[in-house]
Amino acid sequence: MVRRTKRFRKDRKLTVNDRVKTFEKGERVLISLQPCFKGFPAPRYDGRHGKIVEKRGKSYVVRISDLGAKKDLIASPVHLRRLEAQKEVA
């Protein structure tokens, strides 16, 4: 039998700032899973974006739209990245 090889993952190095970053209510974020840390949502939500609804302990509640249904996910700040505000073209 042939052994399957592991997929190559693009890992980025996490800093202390990634672990202690804060978000404001209503801010748009991207869910980017970091498997080496606990407190992440289901892998099927990787790459989704949503809005911060509230802070719950050290984690945040993120509201996403999944095929028209609103879902609330709880994720620690390590797994969230701030989305840049899009510049309006005049």
Protein backbone atom coordinates (compact mmCIF):
# COMPACT_ATOMS: atom_id res chain seq x y z
CA MET A 1 0.00 0.00 0.00
CA VAL A 2 1.10 3.51 -0.72
CA ARG A 3 1.17 5.89 2.20
CA ARG A 4 -0.65 9.18 1.76
CA THR A 5 1.46 12.26 2.24
CA LYS A 6 0.38 15.15 4.38
CA ARG A 7 -0.88 18.25 2.67
CA PHE A 8 1.39 21.24 2.73
CA ARG A 9 -0.01 23.97 4.97
CA LYS A 10 0.88 27.60 4.84
CA ASP A 11 1.49 28.35 8.49
CA ARG A 12 2.18 31.83 9.61
CA LYS A 13 4.06 32.51 12.77
CA LEU A 14 1.87 33.76 15.62
CA THR A 15 3.02 36.55 17.87
CA VAL A 16 1.94 37.71 21.31
CA ASN A 17 -0.14 40.43 19.67
CA ASP A 18 -2.18 37.76 17.87
CA ARG A 19 -3.14 36.24 21.21
CA VAL A 20 -4.11 39.48 22.98
CA LYS A 21 -5.69 41.53 20.18
CA THR A 22 -9.05 43.16 20.84
CA PHE A 23 -12.02 43.88 18.61
CA GLU A 24 -14.90 46.33 18.86
CA LYS A 25 -18.57 45.41 18.55
CA GLY A 26 -19.68 45.60 14.91
CA GLU A 27 -16.17 45.18 13.51
CA ARG A 28 -15.78 42.88 10.47
CA VAL A 29 -13.41 39.93 10.89
CA LEU A 30 -12.14 36.96 8.92
CA ILE A 31 -12.13 33.49 10.51
CA SER A 32 -8.67 32.02 10.00
CA LEU A 33 -8.15 28.79 11.95
CA GLN A 34 -4.86 28.15 13.75
CA PRO A 35 -4.94 24.44 14.67
CA CYS A 36 -2.25 24.70 17.32
CA PHE A 37 -4.57 26.74 19.60
CA LYS A 38 -7.84 25.72 21.24
CA GLY A 39 -11.10 27.61 20.97
CA PHE A 40 -11.70 27.51 17.24
CA PRO A 41 -15.01 26.95 15.43
CA ALA A 42 -15.66 24.02 13.08
CA PRO A 43 -13.19 23.81 10.17
CA ARG A 44 -15.96 24.35 7.60
CA TYR A 45 -16.11 28.02 8.70
CA ASP A 46 -12.46 28.67 7.83
CA GLY A 47 -12.21 31.63 5.44
CA ARG A 48 -15.65 33.01 6.26
CA HIS A 49 -16.13 36.59 7.38
CA GLY A 50 -18.62 38.09 9.79
CA LYS A 51 -19.24 40.76 12.41
CA ILE A 52 -18.32 40.81 16.08
CA VAL A 53 -21.52 40.65 18.15
CA GLU A 54 -20.13 40.54 21.70
CA LYS A 55 -17.22 39.49 23.86
CA ARG A 56 -17.65 36.34 25.94
CA GLY A 57 -14.83 35.82 28.41
CA LYS A 58 -11.60 35.88 26.40
CA SER A 59 -13.41 34.91 23.18
CA TYR A 60 -15.68 36.73 20.75
CA VAL A 61 -19.07 35.88 19.27
CA VAL A 62 -18.99 36.28 15.47
CA ARG A 63 -22.21 36.37 13.43
CA ILE A 64 -21.96 34.90 9.93
CA SER A 65 -24.48 34.22 7.19
CA ASP A 66 -24.62 30.57 6.12
CA LEU A 67 -26.94 30.12 3.11
CA GLY A 68 -29.22 32.86 4.39
CA ALA A 69 -29.27 31.63 7.99
CA LYS A 70 -27.60 33.76 10.64
CA LYS A 71 -25.21 31.76 12.84
CA ASP A 72 -23.24 32.79 15.89
CA LEU A 73 -19.76 31.29 16.31
CA ILE A 74 -17.56 31.58 19.39
CA ALA A 75 -13.86 31.96 18.57
CA SER A 76 -10.78 33.10 20.45
CA PRO A 77 -8.93 36.13 19.04
CA VAL A 78 -6.08 33.96 17.68
CA HIS A 79 -8.47 32.63 15.02
CA LEU A 80 -9.79 36.05 13.97
CA ARG A 81 -8.23 38.61 11.66
CA ARG A 82 -9.43 42.16 11.20
CA LEU A 83 -10.73 42.95 7.69
CA GLU A 84 -9.47 46.16 6.19
CA ALA A 85 -12.10 48.77 5.41
CA GLN A 86 -12.68 48.90 1.68
CA LYS A 87 -11.87 52.22 0.10
CA GLU A 88 -14.68 53.80 -1.85
CA VAL A 89 -13.88 54.70 -5.44
CA ALA A 90 -15.18 58.14 -6.41
